[in-house]
C-alpha atoms as a PDB file:
ATOM      1  CA  UNK A   1      -7.798 -20.772 -19.928  1.00  0.00           C
ATOM      2  CA  UNK A   2      -9.772 -19.349 -17.022  1.00  0.00           C
ATOM      3  CA  UNK A   3     -11.076 -21.852 -14.470  1.00  0.00           C
ATOM      4  CA  UNK A   4     -14.805 -22.569 -14.073  1.00  0.00           C
ATOM      5  CA  UNK A   5     -16.376 -20.955 -11.012  1.00  0.00           C
ATOM      6  CA  UNK A   6     -19.729 -19.916  -9.611  1.00  0.00           C
ATOM      7  CA  UNK A   7     -20.622 -16.245  -9.200  1.00  0.00           C
ATOM      8  CA  UNK A   8     -22.815 -14.718  -6.493  1.00  0.00           C
ATOM      9  CA  UNK A   9     -23.900 -11.169  -5.641  1.00  0.00           C
ATOM     10  CA  UNK A  10     -24.830 -11.088  -1.946  1.00  0.00           C
ATOM     11  CA  UNK A  11     -27.271  -8.456  -0.766  1.00  0.00           C
ATOM     12  CA  UNK A  12     -25.693  -7.933   2.644  1.00  0.00           C
ATOM     13  CA  UNK A  13     -22.294  -7.978   4.269  1.00  0.00           C
ATOM     14  CA  UNK A  14     -23.367 -10.908   6.438  1.00  0.00           C
ATOM     15  CA  UNK A  15     -24.329 -12.929   3.372  1.00  0.00           C
ATOM     16  CA  UNK A  16     -21.011 -12.061   1.692  1.00  0.00           C
ATOM     17  CA  UNK A  17     -19.040 -13.217   4.725  1.00  0.00           C
ATOM     18  CA  UNK A  18     -20.932 -16.497   4.686  1.00  0.00           C
ATOM     19  CA  UNK A  19     -19.980 -17.146   1.071  1.00  0.00           C
ATOM     20  CA  UNK A  20     -16.355 -16.132   1.606  1.00  0.00           C
ATOM     21  CA  UNK A  21     -15.980 -18.558   4.486  1.00  0.00           C
ATOM     22  CA  UNK A  22     -16.238 -21.399   1.950  1.00  0.00           C
ATOM     23  CA  UNK A  23     -13.083 -23.002   0.620  1.00  0.00           C
ATOM     24  CA  UNK A  24     -12.051 -21.593  -2.766  1.00  0.00           C
ATOM     25  CA  UNK A  25     -14.146 -18.414  -2.505  1.00  0.00           C
ATOM     26  CA  UNK A  26     -12.643 -15.093  -3.641  1.00  0.00           C
ATOM     27  CA  UNK A  27     -13.981 -11.587  -3.174  1.00  0.00           C
ATOM     28  CA  UNK A  28     -14.733  -9.348  -6.151  1.00  0.00           C
ATOM     29  CA  UNK A  29     -14.923  -5.583  -5.687  1.00  0.00           C
ATOM     30  CA  UNK A  30     -13.592  -3.472  -8.570  1.00  0.00           C
ATOM     31  CA  UNK A  31     -12.095  -6.583 -10.140  1.00  0.00           C
ATOM     32  CA  UNK A  32      -9.016  -4.849 -11.571  1.00  0.00           C
ATOM     33  CA  UNK A  33      -6.641  -7.305  -9.867  1.00  0.00           C
ATOM     34  CA  UNK A  34      -8.917 -10.334  -9.471  1.00  0.00           C
ATOM     35  CA  UNK A  35      -9.576 -10.751 -13.187  1.00  0.00           C
ATOM     36  CA  UNK A  36      -5.872 -10.654 -13.990  1.00  0.00           C
ATOM     37  CA  UNK A  37      -5.167 -13.253 -11.323  1.00  0.00           C
ATOM     38  CA  UNK A  38      -7.880 -15.523 -12.710  1.00  0.00           C
ATOM     39  CA  UNK A  39      -6.559 -15.140 -16.235  1.00  0.00           C
ATOM     40  CA  UNK A  40      -3.000 -15.892 -15.089  1.00  0.00           C
ATOM     41  CA  UNK A  41      -4.187 -18.789 -12.898  1.00  0.00           C
ATOM     42  CA  UNK A  42      -2.389 -17.342  -9.889  1.00  0.00           C
ATOM     43  CA  UNK A  43      -4.733 -19.162  -7.515  1.00  0.00           C
ATOM     44  CA  UNK A  44      -7.595 -21.646  -7.601  1.00  0.00           C
ATOM     45  CA  UNK A  45     -11.105 -20.278  -7.354  1.00  0.00           C
ATOM     46  CA  UNK A  46     -14.427 -22.071  -6.994  1.00  0.00           C
ATOM     47  CA  UNK A  47     -16.688 -19.146  -6.234  1.00  0.00           C
ATOM     48  CA  UNK A  48     -16.442 -15.411  -6.944  1.00  0.00           C
ATOM     49  CA  UNK A  49     -18.322 -13.330  -4.387  1.00  0.00           C
ATOM     50  CA  UNK A  50     -19.118  -9.875  -5.755  1.00  0.00           C
ATOM     51  CA  UNK A  51     -19.552  -7.227  -3.065  1.00  0.00           C
ATOM     52  CA  UNK A  52     -19.771  -4.394  -5.577  1.00  0.00           C
ATOM     53  CA  UNK A  53     -23.458  -3.913  -4.833  1.00  0.00           C
ATOM     54  CA  UNK A  54     -22.993  -3.269  -1.089  1.00  0.00           C
ATOM     55  CA  UNK A  55     -23.449   0.509  -1.181  1.00  0.00           C
ATOM     56  CA  UNK A  56     -22.930   0.855   2.586  1.00  0.00           C
ATOM     57  CA  UNK A  57     -19.239   0.119   1.969  1.00  0.00           C
ATOM     58  CA  UNK A  58     -18.813   3.174  -0.284  1.00  0.00           C
ATOM     59  CA  UNK A  59     -18.069   6.776   0.516  1.00  0.00           C
ATOM     60  CA  UNK A  60     -16.088   9.092   2.777  1.00  0.00           C
ATOM     61  CA  UNK A  61     -17.571  10.344   6.037  1.00  0.00           C
ATOM     62  CA  UNK A  62     -16.354  12.382   8.971  1.00  0.00           C
ATOM     63  CA  UNK A  63     -16.513  10.610  12.321  1.00  0.00           C
ATOM     64  CA  UNK A  64     -16.623  11.704  15.929  1.00  0.00           C
ATOM     65  CA  UNK A  65     -13.344  13.293  16.919  1.00  0.00           C
ATOM     66  CA  UNK A  66     -12.706  14.743  13.478  1.00  0.00           C
ATOM     67  CA  UNK A  67     -11.234  11.799  11.568  1.00  0.00           C
ATOM     68  CA  UNK A  68     -12.480  10.137   8.383  1.00  0.00           C
ATOM     69  CA  UNK A  69     -13.936   6.748   7.633  1.00  0.00           C
ATOM     70  CA  UNK A  70     -13.446   5.639   4.025  1.00  0.00           C
ATOM     71  CA  UNK A  71     -15.511   2.688   2.830  1.00  0.00           C
ATOM     72  CA  UNK A  72     -13.514  -0.104   1.231  1.00  0.00           C
ATOM     73  CA  UNK A  73     -15.537   0.110  -2.006  1.00  0.00           C
ATOM     74  CA  UNK A  74     -14.754   3.795  -2.461  1.00  0.00           C
ATOM     75  CA  UNK A  75     -12.927   4.122  -5.766  1.00  0.00           C
ATOM     76  CA  UNK A  76      -9.354   5.295  -6.024  1.00  0.00           C
ATOM     77  CA  UNK A  77     -10.518   8.198  -8.201  1.00  0.00           C
ATOM     78  CA  UNK A  78     -13.001   9.339  -5.534  1.00  0.00           C
ATOM     79  CA  UNK A  79     -10.246   9.298  -2.927  1.00  0.00           C
ATOM     80  CA  UNK A  80      -7.824  11.268  -5.087  1.00  0.00           C
ATOM     81  CA  UNK A  81     -10.456  13.942  -5.741  1.00  0.00           C
ATOM     82  CA  UNK A  82     -12.146  14.224  -2.331  1.00  0.00           C
ATOM     83  CA  UNK A  83     -11.713  17.775  -0.947  1.00  0.00           C
ATOM     84  CA  UNK A  84     -11.194  16.750   2.694  1.00  0.00           C
ATOM     85  CA  UNK A  85      -8.590  14.143   1.755  1.00  0.00           C
ATOM     86  CA  UNK A  86      -6.792  16.568  -0.544  1.00  0.00           C
ATOM     87  CA  UNK A  87      -6.738  19.233   2.179  1.00  0.00           C
ATOM     88  CA  UNK A  88      -5.936  17.238   5.324  1.00  0.00           C
ATOM     89  CA  UNK A  89      -4.417  13.946   4.111  1.00  0.00           C
ATOM     90  CA  UNK A  90      -2.417  15.096   1.118  1.00  0.00           C
ATOM     91  CA  UNK A  91      -0.203  12.010   0.935  1.00  0.00           C
ATOM     92  CA  UNK A  92      -3.251   9.774   0.463  1.00  0.00           C
ATOM     93  CA  UNK A  93      -4.732  11.973  -2.267  1.00  0.00           C
ATOM     94  CA  UNK A  94      -1.372  12.045  -4.033  1.00  0.00           C
ATOM     95  CA  UNK A  95      -0.887   8.293  -3.665  1.00  0.00           C
ATOM     96  CA  UNK A  96      -4.363   7.590  -5.033  1.00  0.00           C
ATOM     97  CA  UNK A  97      -3.754   9.914  -7.989  1.00  0.00           C
ATOM     98  CA  UNK A  98      -0.620   7.905  -8.879  1.00  0.00           C
ATOM     99  CA  UNK A  99      -2.401   4.536  -9.054  1.00  0.00           C
ATOM    100  CA  UNK A 100      -2.452   2.939 -12.517  1.00  0.00           C
ATOM    101  CA  UNK A 101      -4.439   4.734 -15.237  1.00  0.00           C
ATOM    102  CA  UNK A 102      -7.560   6.953 -15.059  1.00  0.00           C
ATOM    103  CA  UNK A 103      -9.721   4.053 -16.214  1.00  0.00           C
ATOM    104  CA  UNK A 104      -8.422   1.760 -13.466  1.00  0.00           C
ATOM    105  CA  UNK A 105      -8.705   4.484 -10.809  1.00  0.00           C
ATOM    106  CA  UNK A 106     -12.380   4.834 -11.688  1.00  0.00           C
ATOM    107  CA  UNK A 107     -12.916   1.087 -11.297  1.00  0.00           C
ATOM    108  CA  UNK A 108     -10.462   0.004  -8.596  1.00  0.00           C
ATOM    109  CA  UNK A 109     -11.328   0.308  -4.912  1.00  0.00           C
ATOM    110  CA  UNK A 110      -9.425   1.226  -1.765  1.00  0.00           C
ATOM    111  CA  UNK A 111      -9.911  -2.250  -0.292  1.00  0.00           C
ATOM    112  CA  UNK A 112      -8.653  -3.867  -3.472  1.00  0.00           C
ATOM    113  CA  UNK A 113      -5.625  -1.611  -3.617  1.00  0.00           C
ATOM    114  CA  UNK A 114      -4.661  -2.640  -0.086  1.00  0.00           C
ATOM    115  CA  UNK A 115      -5.207  -6.352  -0.754  1.00  0.00           C
ATOM    116  CA  UNK A 116      -3.820  -6.737  -4.270  1.00  0.00           C
ATOM    117  CA  UNK A 117      -1.559  -9.619  -5.191  1.00  0.00           C
ATOM    118  CA  UNK A 118       2.158  -9.254  -6.051  1.00  0.00           C
ATOM    119  CA  UNK A 119       3.154  -8.262  -9.573  1.00  0.00           C
ATOM    120  CA  UNK A 120       6.314 -10.400  -9.700  1.00  0.00           C
ATOM    121  CA  UNK A 121       6.502 -11.998 -13.141  1.00  0.00           C
ATOM    122  CA  UNK A 122       7.583 -15.318 -11.661  1.00  0.00           C
ATOM    123  CA  UNK A 123       4.578 -15.367  -9.326  1.00  0.00           C
ATOM    124  CA  UNK A 124       2.250 -14.315 -12.133  1.00  0.00           C
ATOM    125  CA  UNK A 125       3.903 -16.700 -14.586  1.00  0.00           C
ATOM    126  CA  UNK A 126       4.197 -20.469 -14.856  1.00  0.00           C
ATOM    127  CA  UNK A 127       6.672 -20.854 -12.019  1.00  0.00           C
ATOM    128  CA  UNK A 128       5.948 -22.828  -8.852  1.00  0.00           C
ATOM    129  CA  UNK A 129       7.719 -20.260  -6.711  1.00  0.00           C
ATOM    130  CA  UNK A 130       7.948 -20.110  -2.951  1.00  0.00           C
ATOM    131  CA  UNK A 131       4.894 -17.836  -2.690  1.00  0.00           C
ATOM    132  CA  UNK A 132       2.872 -20.500  -4.539  1.00  0.00           C
ATOM    133  CA  UNK A 133       4.039 -23.238  -2.184  1.00  0.00           C
ATOM    134  CA  UNK A 134       7.302 -24.145  -3.927  1.00  0.00           C
ATOM    135  CA  UNK A 135      10.776 -24.015  -2.467  1.00  0.00           C
ATOM    136  CA  UNK A 136      12.520 -21.515  -4.780  1.00  0.00           C
ATOM    137  CA  UNK A 137      12.305 -17.741  -5.246  1.00  0.00           C
ATOM    138  CA  UNK A 138      13.277 -17.457  -8.891  1.00  0.00           C
ATOM    139  CA  UNK A 139      13.755 -13.699  -8.623  1.00  0.00           C
ATOM    140  CA  UNK A 140      16.710 -14.118  -6.238  1.00  0.00           C
ATOM    141  CA  UNK A 141      18.997 -15.169  -9.104  1.00  0.00           C
ATOM    142  CA  UNK A 142      16.857 -14.179 -12.066  1.00  0.00           C
ATOM    143  CA  UNK A 143      15.338 -11.049 -13.562  1.00  0.00           C
ATOM    144  CA  UNK A 144      15.112  -8.977 -10.397  1.00  0.00           C
ATOM    145  CA  UNK A 145      15.427  -5.373 -11.537  1.00  0.00           C
ATOM    146  CA  UNK A 146      12.032  -4.442 -10.074  1.00  0.00           C
ATOM    147  CA  UNK A 147      12.305  -6.463  -6.873  1.00  0.00           C
ATOM    148  CA  UNK A 148      12.959  -5.550  -3.240  1.00  0.00           C
ATOM    149  CA  UNK A 149      15.988  -4.162  -1.416  1.00  0.00           C
ATOM    150  CA  UNK A 150      14.541  -4.640   2.091  1.00  0.00           C
ATOM    151  CA  UNK A 151      12.537  -7.223   3.983  1.00  0.00           C
ATOM    152  CA  UNK A 152      12.794 -10.361   1.865  1.00  0.00           C
ATOM    153  CA  UNK A 153      13.836 -12.528   4.797  1.00  0.00           C
ATOM    154  CA  UNK A 154      15.825 -14.412   2.165  1.00  0.00           C
ATOM    155  CA  UNK A 155      12.584 -16.052   1.032  1.00  0.00           C
ATOM    156  CA  UNK A 156      10.585 -13.833  -1.327  1.00  0.00           C
ATOM    157  CA  UNK A 157      11.758 -10.690  -3.122  1.00  0.00           C
ATOM    158  CA  UNK A 158       8.481  -9.123  -4.265  1.00  0.00           C
ATOM    159  CA  UNK A 159       7.667  -5.472  -3.691  1.00  0.00           C
ATOM    160  CA  UNK A 160       4.230  -4.513  -2.445  1.00  0.00           C
ATOM    161  CA  UNK A 161       2.432  -2.818  -5.361  1.00  0.00           C
ATOM    162  CA  UNK A 162       0.079  -0.448  -3.509  1.00  0.00           C
ATOM    163  CA  UNK A 163       0.399   3.346  -3.625  1.00  0.00           C
ATOM    164  CA  UNK A 164      -2.328   3.967  -1.044  1.00  0.00           C
ATOM    165  CA  UNK A 165      -0.964   1.587   1.606  1.00  0.00           C
ATOM    166  CA  UNK A 166       2.290   3.516   2.250  1.00  0.00           C
ATOM    167  CA  UNK A 167       0.349   6.779   2.524  1.00  0.00           C
ATOM    168  CA  UNK A 168      -2.198   5.256   4.909  1.00  0.00           C
ATOM    169  CA  UNK A 169       0.562   3.738   7.031  1.00  0.00           C
ATOM    170  CA  UNK A 170       2.388   7.074   7.199  1.00  0.00           C
ATOM    171  CA  UNK A 171      -0.878   8.761   8.239  1.00  0.00           C
ATOM    172  CA  UNK A 172      -1.345   6.194  11.055  1.00  0.00           C
ATOM    173  CA  UNK A 173      -4.586   4.831   9.592  1.00  0.00           C
ATOM    174  CA  UNK A 174      -6.501   1.816  10.872  1.00  0.00           C
ATOM    175  CA  UNK A 175      -8.048  -0.863   8.691  1.00  0.00           C
ATOM    176  CA  UNK A 176     -11.534  -2.093   9.624  1.00  0.00           C
ATOM    177  CA  UNK A 177     -12.085  -5.820   9.069  1.00  0.00           C
ATOM    178  CA  UNK A 178     -15.388  -7.695   9.320  1.00  0.00           C
ATOM    179  CA  UNK A 179     -15.711 -11.474   9.349  1.00  0.00           C
ATOM    180  CA  UNK A 180     -17.406 -14.467  10.994  1.00  0.00           C
ATOM    181  CA  UNK A 181     -16.039 -13.342  14.354  1.00  0.00           C
ATOM    182  CA  UNK A 182     -17.368  -9.802  14.017  1.00  0.00           C
ATOM    183  CA  UNK A 183     -15.530  -6.510  13.631  1.00  0.00           C
ATOM    184  CA  UNK A 184     -11.855  -5.917  14.380  1.00  0.00           C
ATOM    185  CA  UNK A 185      -9.403  -3.157  13.573  1.00  0.00           C
ATOM    186  CA  UNK A 186      -5.658  -3.059  13.166  1.00  0.00           C
ATOM    187  CA  UNK A 187      -3.102  -0.476  12.025  1.00  0.00           C
ATOM    188  CA  UNK A 188      -2.536  -0.432   8.290  1.00  0.00           C
ATOM    189  CA  UNK A 189       1.148  -0.632   9.221  1.00  0.00           C
ATOM    190  CA  UNK A 190       0.573  -4.168  10.567  1.00  0.00           C
ATOM    191  CA  UNK A 191      -1.903  -5.363   7.937  1.00  0.00           C
ATOM    192  CA  UNK A 192       0.581  -6.853   5.466  1.00  0.00           C
ATOM    193  CA  UNK A 193       2.582 -10.025   6.061  1.00  0.00           C
ATOM    194  CA  UNK A 194       6.375 -10.183   5.983  1.00  0.00           C
ATOM    195  CA  UNK A 195       7.698 -13.219   4.032  1.00  0.00           C
ATOM    196  CA  UNK A 196       9.597 -14.464   7.071  1.00  0.00           C
ATOM    197  CA  UNK A 197       6.277 -14.679   8.955  1.00  0.00           C
ATOM    198  CA  UNK A 198       4.306 -16.431   6.202  1.00  0.00           C
ATOM    199  CA  UNK A 199       5.519 -16.458   2.610  1.00  0.00           C
ATOM    200  CA  UNK A 200       2.143 -17.660   1.299  1.00  0.00           C
ATOM    201  CA  UNK A 201       0.151 -14.637   2.495  1.00  0.00           C
ATOM    202  CA  UNK A 202       0.057 -10.929   1.699  1.00  0.00           C
ATOM    203  CA  UNK A 203      -2.349  -9.791   4.455  1.00  0.00           C
ATOM    204  CA  UNK A 204      -3.520 -10.982   7.854  1.00  0.00           C
ATOM    205  CA  UNK A 205      -7.113 -11.421   6.647  1.00  0.00           C
ATOM    206  CA  UNK A 206      -8.578 -14.743   7.750  1.00  0.00           C
ATOM    207  CA  UNK A 207     -11.035 -16.839   5.727  1.00  0.00           C
ATOM    208  CA  UNK A 208     -14.376 -15.088   5.459  1.00  0.00           C
ATOM    209  CA  UNK A 209     -13.014 -11.679   6.438  1.00  0.00           C
ATOM    210  CA  UNK A 210     -13.442  -8.531   4.348  1.00  0.00           C
ATOM    211  CA  UNK A 211     -11.823  -5.115   4.587  1.00  0.00           C
ATOM    212  CA  UNK A 212     -14.861  -2.912   5.129  1.00  0.00           C
ATOM    213  CA  UNK A 213     -13.275   0.503   5.727  1.00  0.00           C
ATOM    214  CA  UNK A 214     -10.177   2.494   6.593  1.00  0.00           C
ATOM    215  CA  UNK A 215     -10.150   5.028   9.414  1.00  0.00           C
ATOM    216  CA  UNK A 216      -7.919   8.088   9.468  1.00  0.00           C
ATOM    217  CA  UNK A 217      -7.196   9.986  12.701  1.00  0.00           C
ATOM    218  CA  UNK A 218      -8.192  13.608  13.114  1.00  0.00           C
ATOM    219  CA  UNK A 219      -5.888  15.864  11.082  1.00  0.00           C
ATOM    220  CA  UNK A 220      -3.277  17.905  12.921  1.00  0.00           C
ATOM    221  CA  UNK A 221      -2.697  21.499  11.855  1.00  0.00           C
ATOM    222  CA  UNK A 222       1.062  20.923  12.096  1.00  0.00           C
ATOM    223  CA  UNK A 223       1.018  17.908   9.763  1.00  0.00           C
ATOM    224  CA  UNK A 224       2.673  18.024   6.341  1.00  0.00           C
ATOM    225  CA  UNK A 225       2.307  14.904   4.209  1.00  0.00           C
ATOM    226  CA  UNK A 226       3.430  13.947   0.717  1.00  0.00           C
ATOM    227  CA  UNK A 227       3.651  10.895  -1.514  1.00  0.00           C
ATOM    228  CA  UNK A 228       6.275  10.605  -4.234  1.00  0.00           C
ATOM    229  CA  UNK A 229       6.406   7.855  -6.844  1.00  0.00           C
ATOM    230  CA  UNK A 230       9.201   7.206  -9.324  1.00  0.00           C
ATOM    231  CA  UNK A 231       8.425   4.961 -12.277  1.00  0.00           C
ATOM    232  CA  UNK A 232       9.794   4.303 -15.745  1.00  0.00           C
ATOM    233  CA  UNK A 233       9.117   7.207 -18.152  1.00  0.00           C
ATOM    234  CA  UNK A 234       6.248   8.382 -15.891  1.00  0.00           C
ATOM    235  CA  UNK A 235       4.156   5.665 -17.524  1.00  0.00           C
ATOM    236  CA  UNK A 236       1.119   4.158 -15.792  1.00  0.00           C
ATOM    237  CA  UNK A 237       3.163   1.626 -13.899  1.00  0.00           C
ATOM    238  CA  UNK A 238       4.123   0.416 -10.444  1.00  0.00           C
ATOM    239  CA  UNK A 239       6.710   2.199  -8.331  1.00  0.00           C
ATOM    240  CA  UNK A 240      10.410   1.654  -8.891  1.00  0.00           C
ATOM    241  CA  UNK A 241      10.831   3.709  -5.732  1.00  0.00           C
ATOM    242  CA  UNK A 242       8.359   5.694  -3.676  1.00  0.00           C
ATOM    243  CA  UNK A 243       7.874   7.292  -0.285  1.00  0.00           C
ATOM    244  CA  UNK A 244       5.053   8.600   1.860  1.00  0.00           C
ATOM    245  CA  UNK A 245       6.078  11.195   4.451  1.00  0.00           C
ATOM    246  CA  UNK A 246       3.858  12.531   7.228  1.00  0.00           C
ATOM    247  CA  UNK A 247       5.733  15.019   9.404  1.00  0.00           C
ATOM    248  CA  UNK A 248       4.557  17.095  12.357  1.00  0.00           C
ATOM    249  CA  UNK A 249       6.382  20.413  12.163  1.00  0.00           C
ATOM    250  CA  UNK A 250       7.052  23.304  14.496  1.00  0.00           C
ATOM    251  CA  UNK A 251       8.237  25.883  12.024  1.00  0.00           C
ATOM    252  CA  UNK A 252      10.980  24.077  10.129  1.00  0.00           C
ATOM    253  CA  UNK A 253      11.738  21.654  12.969  1.00  0.00           C
ATOM    254  CA  UNK A 254      10.435  18.091  12.807  1.00  0.00           C
ATOM    255  CA  UNK A 255       8.589  17.270  16.015  1.00  0.00           C
ATOM    256  CA  UNK A 256       7.719  13.757  14.886  1.00  0.00           C
ATOM    257  CA  UNK A 257       7.032  11.892  11.694  1.00  0.00           C
ATOM    258  CA  UNK A 258       6.520   8.676   9.790  1.00  0.00           C
ATOM    259  CA  UNK A 259       8.263   7.699   6.554  1.00  0.00           C
ATOM    260  CA  UNK A 260       7.004   4.665   4.594  1.00  0.00           C
ATOM    261  CA  UNK A 261       8.597   3.422   1.379  1.00  0.00           C
ATOM    262  CA  UNK A 262       7.005   1.808  -1.658  1.00  0.00           C
ATOM    263  CA  UNK A 263       8.815  -0.192  -4.323  1.00  0.00           C
ATOM    264  CA  UNK A 264      11.269  -1.233  -1.611  1.00  0.00           C
ATOM    265  CA  UNK A 265       9.995  -4.322   0.215  1.00  0.00           C
ATOM    266  CA  UNK A 266       7.336  -7.069   0.228  1.00  0.00           C
ATOM    267  CA  UNK A 267       5.300  -4.809   2.529  1.00  0.00           C
ATOM    268  CA  UNK A 268       5.011  -1.016   2.757  1.00  0.00           C
ATOM    269  CA  UNK A 269       8.367  -0.410   4.439  1.00  0.00           C
ATOM    270  CA  UNK A 270       8.546   1.962   7.389  1.00  0.00           C
ATOM    271  CA  UNK A 271      11.949   3.663   7.450  1.00  0.00           C
ATOM    272  CA  UNK A 272      12.580   4.048  11.160  1.00  0.00           C
ATOM    273  CA  UNK A 273      16.159   5.128  10.491  1.00  0.00           C
ATOM    274  CA  UNK A 274      14.996   8.159   8.509  1.00  0.00           C
ATOM    275  CA  UNK A 275      12.446   9.001  11.183  1.00  0.00           C
ATOM    276  CA  UNK A 276      15.112   8.831  13.896  1.00  0.00           C
ATOM    277  CA  UNK A 277      17.466  10.960  11.802  1.00  0.00           C
ATOM    278  CA  UNK A 278      15.044  13.856  11.319  1.00  0.00           C
ATOM    279  CA  UNK A 279      13.089  13.764  14.591  1.00  0.00           C
ATOM    280  CA  UNK A 280      13.746  16.894  16.639  1.00  0.00           C
ATOM    281  CA  UNK A 281      15.928  18.370  13.886  1.00  0.00           C
ATOM    282  CA  UNK A 282      15.654  21.356  11.592  1.00  0.00           C
ATOM    283  CA  UNK A 283      15.403  20.323   7.958  1.00  0.00           C
ATOM    284  CA  UNK A 284      18.694  21.892   6.923  1.00  0.00           C
ATOM    285  CA  UNK A 285      21.098  20.448   4.360  1.00  0.00           C
ATOM    286  CA  UNK A 286      22.987  18.403   6.955  1.00  0.00           C
ATOM    287  CA  UNK A 287      19.853  16.739   8.301  1.00  0.00           C
ATOM    288  CA  UNK A 288      18.455  16.095   4.825  1.00  0.00           C
ATOM    289  CA  UNK A 289      21.702  14.545   3.592  1.00  0.00           C
ATOM    290  CA  UNK A 290      21.844  12.358   6.703  1.00  0.00           C
ATOM    291  CA  UNK A 291      18.265  11.223   6.049  1.00  0.00           C
ATOM    292  CA  UNK A 292      19.180  10.354   2.449  1.00  0.00           C
ATOM    293  CA  UNK A 293      21.990   8.133   3.719  1.00  0.00           C
ATOM    294  CA  UNK A 294      19.728   6.577   6.343  1.00  0.00           C
ATOM    295  CA  UNK A 295      16.993   5.589   3.859  1.00  0.00           C
ATOM    296  CA  UNK A 296      19.234   2.969   2.215  1.00  0.00           C
ATOM    297  CA  UNK A 297      21.157   1.848   5.288  1.00  0.00           C
ATOM    298  CA  UNK A 298      20.792  -1.916   5.648  1.00  0.00           C
ATOM    299  CA  UNK A 299      19.476  -2.342   2.102  1.00  0.00           C
ATOM    300  CA  UNK A 300      20.363  -5.588   0.336  1.00  0.00           C
ATOM    301  CA  UNK A 301      19.940  -4.996  -3.373  1.00  0.00           C
ATOM    302  CA  UNK A 302      19.982  -7.842  -5.848  1.00  0.00           C
ATOM    303  CA  UNK A 303      22.177  -8.108  -8.930  1.00  0.00           C
ATOM    304  CA  UNK A 304      19.937  -5.969 -11.164  1.00  0.00           C
ATOM    305  CA  UNK A 305      18.264  -3.464  -8.827  1.00  0.00           C
ATOM    306  CA  UNK A 306      21.168  -1.577  -7.266  1.00  0.00           C
ATOM    307  CA  UNK A 307      19.980   1.504  -9.161  1.00  0.00           C
ATOM    308  CA  UNK A 308      17.243   1.798  -6.525  1.00  0.00           C
ATOM    309  CA  UNK A 309      19.735   3.025  -3.920  1.00  0.00           C
ATOM    310  CA  UNK A 310      20.435   6.417  -5.542  1.00  0.00           C
ATOM    311  CA  UNK A 311      16.738   6.693  -6.466  1.00  0.00           C
ATOM    312  CA  UNK A 312      15.691   6.454  -2.822  1.00  0.00           C
ATOM    313  CA  UNK A 313      18.488   8.779  -1.678  1.00  0.00           C
ATOM    314  CA  UNK A 314      17.601  11.473  -4.185  1.00  0.00           C
ATOM    315  CA  UNK A 315      13.876  11.126  -3.631  1.00  0.00           C
ATOM    316  CA  UNK A 316      14.162  11.585   0.137  1.00  0.00           C
ATOM    317  CA  UNK A 317      16.385  14.634  -0.352  1.00  0.00           C
ATOM    318  CA  UNK A 318      13.924  16.222  -2.756  1.00  0.00           C
ATOM    319  CA  UNK A 319      10.835  15.509  -0.669  1.00  0.00           C
ATOM    320  CA  UNK A 320      12.363  16.785   2.575  1.00  0.00           C
ATOM    321  CA  UNK A 321      13.515  19.952   0.828  1.00  0.00           C
ATOM    322  CA  UNK A 322      10.044  20.399  -0.630  1.00  0.00           C
ATOM    323  CA  UNK A 323       8.456  20.027   2.806  1.00  0.00           C
ATOM    324  CA  UNK A 324      11.010  22.455   4.270  1.00  0.00           C
ATOM    325  CA  UNK A 325      10.252  25.033   1.590  1.00  0.00           C
ATOM    326  CA  UNK A 326       6.512  24.573   2.077  1.00  0.00           C
ATOM    327  CA  UNK A 327       6.848  25.042   5.847  1.00  0.00           C
ATOM    328  CA  UNK A 328       8.827  28.226   5.266  1.00  0.00           C
ATOM    329  CA  UNK A 329       6.200  29.552   2.880  1.00  0.00           C
ATOM    330  CA  UNK A 330       3.420  28.800   5.377  1.00  0.00           C
ATOM    331  CA  UNK A 331       5.376  30.540   8.119  1.00  0.00           C
END
């Protein structure tokens, strides 16, 4: 049974922040994750603060210097279909197009996709797990076929469910946060919390704070970006394995790049080993095979998710070859 709570629709961001500063308040945007959490009694709630009417938080606009500012209430569907995002930030458009189902993409928002709660069935179920304040991660010795291979810290084995967050991290985006203390920004790469830092939190948002926008840097002509998602039977589901790649190329040589994995860790997982392997190299077979080995180096799979290792290897090989072929065609 869903808990009793009050419901408010503030008319301004300032009013919303005031409500959210109260104990037990939760923000409502698209509601695609919040309603499930309330139904599953994942957390206590006393007040639902709907920001869906704050139109200033919607839309995509170009900013000085040539980058983009995307309002947090912009829907996932709008992001996947926006011509500037599709042209200059391909990984983000692809990631957004892979989120859930068409119905949920039309309802869900960018801010909600970044801030969504874990999908672990122990966390969502009737288990007082470590992430709920208990002292056991039931996935460690239980049904863990969809859980992480990196970054658990030995405490919590969730995988972060977002498809937009890895793409934004790879594209070096900044998240804009507004709260009682005013406006602050931080890299999307640093927005999510590692279990070893605080197992009870998913993001570094403080009480009363709201994600108001995401900022993307000016696009570089040499940038090639992609997002790949592998899931069961290509159903509308969360990633078994995924990767966002954003590479700066000089011909078929990688000048620099960022590689961020999904379905791998409790946070979008930046694969520094892959980046180091391909930086300054031509994307030939030797480099690509070395990158495929590097993507799973240091992985610690659980009893039932070792299949993820060949998935990540093969995916990185295919995506790097695709980027190489695309660079050759452009040349």
